[in-house]
């Protein structure tokens, strides 16, 4: 769930820029369909934060496509687990895009 100071703009971004389909569940709930997903659990001293990353096969191509739509991405960072960039939703929340260097758990579920 994404809490937003500008839910209308964030919904438009997810729908029109990222291309996610949605359903209006009523009472202010617009639910988006996302591609298959993975979740990682990492040890930490504080457990009151979560990060959202959209995984992609070709990060540079995604950055180029988003750039054509006027989306600015942060500089790509190389992490041990993948190549990463961040984008800011219109409501101010930050989400990441990454191209993994690790094996995907999805391969086990999609076969």
N, C-alpha and C. Protein backbone atom coordinates (compact mmCIF):
# COMPACT_ATOMS: atom_id res chain seq x y z
N UNK A 1 0.85 -1.16 0.00
CA UNK A 1 0.00 0.00 0.00
C UNK A 1 0.90 1.23 0.00
N UNK A 2 0.53 2.19 -0.82
CA UNK A 2 1.26 3.45 -0.88
C UNK A 2 0.36 4.53 -0.31
N UNK A 3 0.80 5.19 0.74
CA UNK A 3 0.08 6.33 1.29
C UNK A 3 0.59 7.57 0.57
N UNK A 4 -0.32 8.45 0.17
CA UNK A 4 0.07 9.55 -0.70
C UNK A 4 -0.56 10.86 -0.29
N UNK A 5 0.20 11.94 -0.47
CA UNK A 5 -0.33 13.28 -0.27
C UNK A 5 -1.11 13.74 -1.50
N UNK A 6 -0.92 13.04 -2.63
CA UNK A 6 -1.65 13.35 -3.86
C UNK A 6 -2.01 12.03 -4.54
N UNK A 7 -3.00 11.36 -3.98
CA UNK A 7 -3.39 10.03 -4.47
C UNK A 7 -3.85 10.07 -5.93
N UNK A 8 -4.53 11.12 -6.33
CA UNK A 8 -5.01 11.22 -7.71
C UNK A 8 -3.83 11.22 -8.68
N UNK A 9 -2.80 12.01 -8.38
CA UNK A 9 -1.63 12.08 -9.26
C UNK A 9 -0.85 10.77 -9.24
N UNK A 10 -0.71 10.16 -8.07
CA UNK A 10 0.02 8.89 -8.00
C UNK A 10 -0.72 7.79 -8.75
N UNK A 11 -2.04 7.78 -8.65
CA UNK A 11 -2.83 6.79 -9.38
C UNK A 11 -2.66 6.98 -10.88
N UNK A 12 -2.70 8.23 -11.34
CA UNK A 12 -2.52 8.51 -12.76
C UNK A 12 -1.13 8.07 -13.22
N UNK A 13 -0.12 8.29 -12.39
CA UNK A 13 1.25 7.90 -12.73
C UNK A 13 1.35 6.38 -12.87
N UNK A 14 0.81 5.65 -11.91
CA UNK A 14 0.86 4.19 -11.96
C UNK A 14 0.10 3.65 -13.17
N UNK A 15 -1.01 4.27 -13.50
CA UNK A 15 -1.84 3.83 -14.62
C UNK A 15 -1.25 4.28 -15.96
N UNK A 16 -0.98 5.58 -16.10
CA UNK A 16 -0.62 6.14 -17.40
C UNK A 16 0.86 6.05 -17.74
N UNK A 17 1.72 6.17 -16.76
CA UNK A 17 3.17 6.14 -17.02
C UNK A 17 3.72 4.72 -16.89
N UNK A 18 3.39 4.05 -15.79
CA UNK A 18 3.91 2.69 -15.60
C UNK A 18 3.05 1.63 -16.27
N UNK A 19 1.82 1.97 -16.64
CA UNK A 19 0.98 1.06 -17.41
C UNK A 19 0.29 -0.03 -16.62
N UNK A 20 0.13 0.15 -15.31
CA UNK A 20 -0.54 -0.86 -14.50
C UNK A 20 -2.06 -0.71 -14.62
N UNK A 21 -2.76 -1.81 -14.82
CA UNK A 21 -4.22 -1.77 -14.86
C UNK A 21 -4.74 -1.74 -13.43
N UNK A 22 -5.99 -1.27 -13.28
CA UNK A 22 -6.53 -1.13 -11.92
C UNK A 22 -8.02 -1.42 -11.91
N UNK A 23 -8.53 -1.55 -10.70
CA UNK A 23 -9.95 -1.70 -10.46
C UNK A 23 -10.33 -0.75 -9.32
N UNK A 24 -11.46 -0.09 -9.47
CA UNK A 24 -11.96 0.79 -8.42
C UNK A 24 -12.75 -0.05 -7.43
N UNK A 25 -12.21 -0.21 -6.23
CA UNK A 25 -12.86 -1.03 -5.21
C UNK A 25 -13.80 -0.20 -4.33
N UNK A 26 -13.96 1.08 -4.64
CA UNK A 26 -14.85 1.94 -3.89
C UNK A 26 -14.21 2.52 -2.64
N UNK A 27 -14.83 3.55 -2.09
CA UNK A 27 -14.39 4.18 -0.84
C UNK A 27 -12.94 4.67 -0.90
N UNK A 28 -12.50 5.14 -2.07
CA UNK A 28 -11.15 5.66 -2.21
C UNK A 28 -10.08 4.64 -2.52
N UNK A 29 -10.47 3.40 -2.73
CA UNK A 29 -9.50 2.34 -3.00
C UNK A 29 -9.41 2.06 -4.49
N UNK A 30 -8.27 2.33 -5.08
CA UNK A 30 -7.99 1.96 -6.46
C UNK A 30 -6.87 0.93 -6.37
N UNK A 31 -7.15 -0.29 -6.79
CA UNK A 31 -6.21 -1.40 -6.62
C UNK A 31 -5.58 -1.71 -7.97
N UNK A 32 -4.24 -1.76 -7.99
CA UNK A 32 -3.50 -1.99 -9.23
C UNK A 32 -3.01 -3.42 -9.33
N UNK A 33 -3.10 -3.97 -10.54
CA UNK A 33 -2.52 -5.28 -10.83
C UNK A 33 -1.03 -5.07 -11.10
N UNK A 34 -0.21 -5.86 -10.47
CA UNK A 34 1.23 -5.78 -10.67
C UNK A 34 1.73 -7.09 -11.26
N UNK A 35 2.90 -7.03 -11.88
CA UNK A 35 3.48 -8.27 -12.40
C UNK A 35 3.81 -9.21 -11.24
N UNK A 36 4.17 -10.44 -11.53
CA UNK A 36 4.61 -11.33 -10.45
C UNK A 36 5.65 -10.61 -9.60
N UNK A 37 5.69 -10.93 -8.33
CA UNK A 37 6.56 -10.20 -7.40
C UNK A 37 7.35 -11.14 -6.51
N UNK A 38 8.42 -10.58 -5.96
CA UNK A 38 9.23 -11.26 -4.95
C UNK A 38 9.25 -10.36 -3.72
N UNK A 39 9.49 -10.95 -2.57
CA UNK A 39 9.69 -10.16 -1.36
C UNK A 39 10.97 -10.66 -0.69
N UNK A 40 11.78 -9.72 -0.24
CA UNK A 40 13.02 -10.07 0.44
C UNK A 40 12.91 -9.64 1.89
N UNK A 41 13.47 -10.43 2.78
CA UNK A 41 13.50 -10.10 4.20
C UNK A 41 14.97 -9.99 4.60
N UNK A 42 15.34 -8.84 5.15
CA UNK A 42 16.73 -8.56 5.48
C UNK A 42 16.82 -8.17 6.95
N UNK A 43 17.83 -8.66 7.68
CA UNK A 43 17.97 -8.28 9.08
C UNK A 43 18.20 -6.77 9.23
N UNK A 44 17.60 -6.17 10.25
CA UNK A 44 17.77 -4.74 10.51
C UNK A 44 17.49 -4.45 11.98
N UNK A 45 18.07 -3.38 12.48
CA UNK A 45 17.84 -2.96 13.86
C UNK A 45 16.44 -2.38 14.03
N UNK A 46 15.96 -1.67 13.01
CA UNK A 46 14.61 -1.11 13.07
C UNK A 46 13.76 -1.78 12.00
N UNK A 47 12.52 -2.06 12.33
CA UNK A 47 11.69 -2.75 11.36
C UNK A 47 10.46 -1.93 11.00
N UNK A 48 10.58 -0.61 11.06
CA UNK A 48 9.44 0.23 10.77
C UNK A 48 9.50 0.86 9.38
N UNK A 49 10.28 0.27 8.49
CA UNK A 49 10.32 0.79 7.12
C UNK A 49 10.28 -0.35 6.13
N UNK A 50 9.80 -0.01 4.96
CA UNK A 50 9.73 -0.96 3.86
C UNK A 50 10.14 -0.22 2.60
N UNK A 51 10.68 -0.92 1.65
CA UNK A 51 11.05 -0.31 0.38
C UNK A 51 10.36 -1.07 -0.74
N UNK A 52 9.95 -0.36 -1.77
CA UNK A 52 9.29 -0.96 -2.91
C UNK A 52 10.17 -0.77 -4.13
N UNK A 53 10.50 -1.88 -4.77
CA UNK A 53 11.28 -1.87 -6.01
C UNK A 53 10.54 -2.67 -7.06
N UNK A 54 10.47 -2.12 -8.27
CA UNK A 54 9.95 -2.87 -9.40
C UNK A 54 11.13 -3.49 -10.13
N UNK A 55 11.10 -4.80 -10.29
CA UNK A 55 12.17 -5.53 -10.93
C UNK A 55 11.99 -5.48 -12.45
N UNK A 56 13.08 -5.34 -13.18
CA UNK A 56 13.01 -5.33 -14.64
C UNK A 56 14.19 -6.11 -15.22
N UNK A 57 14.02 -6.55 -16.45
CA UNK A 57 15.07 -7.31 -17.12
C UNK A 57 16.17 -6.42 -17.67
N UNK A 58 15.84 -5.19 -18.06
CA UNK A 58 16.80 -4.28 -18.67
C UNK A 58 16.58 -2.88 -18.09
N UNK A 59 17.30 -2.55 -17.05
CA UNK A 59 17.12 -1.29 -16.34
C UNK A 59 17.36 -0.09 -17.26
N UNK A 60 18.39 -0.13 -18.06
CA UNK A 60 18.71 1.01 -18.94
C UNK A 60 17.57 1.26 -19.92
N UNK A 61 16.98 0.20 -20.46
CA UNK A 61 15.85 0.36 -21.39
C UNK A 61 14.65 0.96 -20.67
N UNK A 62 14.39 0.53 -19.44
CA UNK A 62 13.27 1.08 -18.66
C UNK A 62 13.49 2.56 -18.38
N UNK A 63 14.72 2.92 -18.02
CA UNK A 63 15.04 4.33 -17.76
C UNK A 63 14.81 5.16 -19.01
N UNK A 64 15.21 4.64 -20.16
CA UNK A 64 15.01 5.34 -21.43
C UNK A 64 13.52 5.53 -21.73
N UNK A 65 12.74 4.47 -21.55
CA UNK A 65 11.30 4.53 -21.80
C UNK A 65 10.64 5.54 -20.86
N UNK A 66 11.00 5.50 -19.59
CA UNK A 66 10.43 6.45 -18.63
C UNK A 66 10.86 7.88 -18.95
N UNK A 67 12.11 8.06 -19.38
CA UNK A 67 12.59 9.38 -19.76
C UNK A 67 11.79 9.98 -20.90
N UNK A 68 11.39 9.14 -21.86
CA UNK A 68 10.56 9.59 -22.98
C UNK A 68 9.19 10.07 -22.49
N UNK A 69 8.78 9.60 -21.31
CA UNK A 69 7.50 10.00 -20.73
C UNK A 69 7.66 11.13 -19.71
N UNK A 70 8.88 11.69 -19.63
CA UNK A 70 9.12 12.81 -18.73
C UNK A 70 9.48 12.44 -17.31
N UNK A 71 9.75 11.16 -17.05
CA UNK A 71 10.09 10.72 -15.70
C UNK A 71 11.60 10.81 -15.51
N UNK A 72 12.01 11.44 -14.42
CA UNK A 72 13.44 11.51 -14.11
C UNK A 72 13.80 10.41 -13.13
N UNK A 73 14.87 9.73 -13.42
CA UNK A 73 15.38 8.66 -12.57
C UNK A 73 16.68 9.12 -11.93
N UNK A 74 16.95 8.62 -10.74
CA UNK A 74 18.22 8.93 -10.09
C UNK A 74 19.35 8.22 -10.85
N UNK A 75 20.56 8.61 -10.52
CA UNK A 75 21.73 7.95 -11.11
C UNK A 75 21.70 6.47 -10.73
N UNK A 76 22.04 5.62 -11.67
CA UNK A 76 22.05 4.18 -11.41
C UNK A 76 23.18 3.86 -10.43
N UNK A 77 22.83 3.12 -9.40
CA UNK A 77 23.80 2.65 -8.42
C UNK A 77 23.98 1.15 -8.58
N UNK A 78 25.20 0.70 -8.46
CA UNK A 78 25.49 -0.73 -8.54
C UNK A 78 25.58 -1.28 -7.12
N UNK A 79 24.67 -2.14 -6.79
CA UNK A 79 24.67 -2.81 -5.49
C UNK A 79 25.08 -4.26 -5.70
N UNK A 80 25.42 -4.92 -4.62
CA UNK A 80 25.81 -6.33 -4.72
C UNK A 80 24.69 -7.16 -5.34
N UNK A 81 23.45 -6.79 -5.07
CA UNK A 81 22.29 -7.56 -5.50
C UNK A 81 21.68 -7.09 -6.82
N UNK A 82 22.13 -5.93 -7.36
CA UNK A 82 21.59 -5.49 -8.64
C UNK A 82 21.89 -4.03 -8.94
N UNK A 83 21.48 -3.62 -10.13
CA UNK A 83 21.58 -2.22 -10.55
C UNK A 83 20.28 -1.53 -10.17
N UNK A 84 20.38 -0.34 -9.57
CA UNK A 84 19.22 0.30 -8.95
C UNK A 84 19.11 1.76 -9.35
N UNK A 85 17.88 2.21 -9.57
CA UNK A 85 17.57 3.63 -9.71
C UNK A 85 16.30 3.91 -8.92
N UNK A 86 16.05 5.16 -8.65
CA UNK A 86 14.84 5.54 -7.91
C UNK A 86 14.06 6.57 -8.73
N UNK A 87 12.74 6.52 -8.58
CA UNK A 87 11.86 7.53 -9.16
C UNK A 87 10.96 8.04 -8.05
N UNK A 88 10.51 9.27 -8.20
CA UNK A 88 9.62 9.85 -7.20
C UNK A 88 8.22 9.95 -7.80
N UNK A 89 7.25 9.42 -7.06
CA UNK A 89 5.86 9.54 -7.48
C UNK A 89 5.41 10.99 -7.29
N UNK A 90 4.40 11.43 -8.02
CA UNK A 90 3.94 12.82 -7.88
C UNK A 90 3.57 13.20 -6.45
N UNK A 91 3.09 12.25 -5.65
CA UNK A 91 2.72 12.52 -4.26
C UNK A 91 3.90 12.57 -3.31
N UNK A 92 5.11 12.31 -3.81
CA UNK A 92 6.31 12.42 -3.00
C UNK A 92 6.96 11.12 -2.59
N UNK A 93 6.25 10.00 -2.68
CA UNK A 93 6.84 8.71 -2.31
C UNK A 93 7.90 8.32 -3.33
N UNK A 94 8.89 7.59 -2.86
CA UNK A 94 9.96 7.13 -3.73
C UNK A 94 9.84 5.63 -3.93
N UNK A 95 9.99 5.19 -5.17
CA UNK A 95 10.03 3.76 -5.48
C UNK A 95 11.27 3.50 -6.31
N UNK A 96 11.73 2.28 -6.25
CA UNK A 96 12.93 1.91 -6.97
C UNK A 96 12.63 1.00 -8.15
N UNK A 97 13.54 1.01 -9.08
CA UNK A 97 13.56 0.06 -10.18
C UNK A 97 14.90 -0.65 -10.09
N UNK A 98 14.91 -1.95 -10.31
CA UNK A 98 16.20 -2.62 -10.27
C UNK A 98 16.24 -3.80 -11.23
N UNK A 99 17.46 -4.06 -11.67
CA UNK A 99 17.77 -5.22 -12.49
C UNK A 99 18.61 -6.13 -11.62
N UNK A 100 18.07 -7.29 -11.23
CA UNK A 100 18.77 -8.14 -10.27
C UNK A 100 20.03 -8.80 -10.85
N UNK A 101 20.99 -9.02 -9.95
CA UNK A 101 22.17 -9.81 -10.27
C UNK A 101 22.04 -11.20 -9.65
N UNK A 102 21.03 -11.37 -8.82
CA UNK A 102 20.82 -12.63 -8.10
C UNK A 102 19.82 -13.50 -8.84
N UNK A 103 19.78 -14.79 -8.55
CA UNK A 103 18.75 -15.65 -9.14
C UNK A 103 17.37 -15.19 -8.66
N UNK A 104 16.40 -15.31 -9.52
CA UNK A 104 15.04 -14.89 -9.18
C UNK A 104 14.23 -16.06 -8.64
N UNK A 105 13.51 -15.81 -7.56
CA UNK A 105 12.59 -16.82 -7.02
C UNK A 105 11.43 -17.05 -7.98
N UNK A 106 11.17 -16.09 -8.86
CA UNK A 106 10.08 -16.23 -9.82
C UNK A 106 10.31 -17.39 -10.78
N UNK A 107 11.55 -17.66 -11.09
CA UNK A 107 11.85 -18.77 -12.01
C UNK A 107 11.30 -20.08 -11.47
N UNK A 108 11.29 -20.22 -10.17
CA UNK A 108 10.78 -21.46 -9.55
C UNK A 108 9.26 -21.54 -9.65
N UNK A 109 8.59 -20.39 -9.58
CA UNK A 109 7.12 -20.40 -9.59
C UNK A 109 6.55 -20.37 -11.00
N UNK A 110 7.31 -19.88 -11.96
CA UNK A 110 6.80 -19.76 -13.33
C UNK A 110 7.06 -20.99 -14.17
N UNK A 111 7.84 -21.92 -13.67
CA UNK A 111 8.14 -23.15 -14.44
C UNK A 111 7.21 -24.27 -14.06
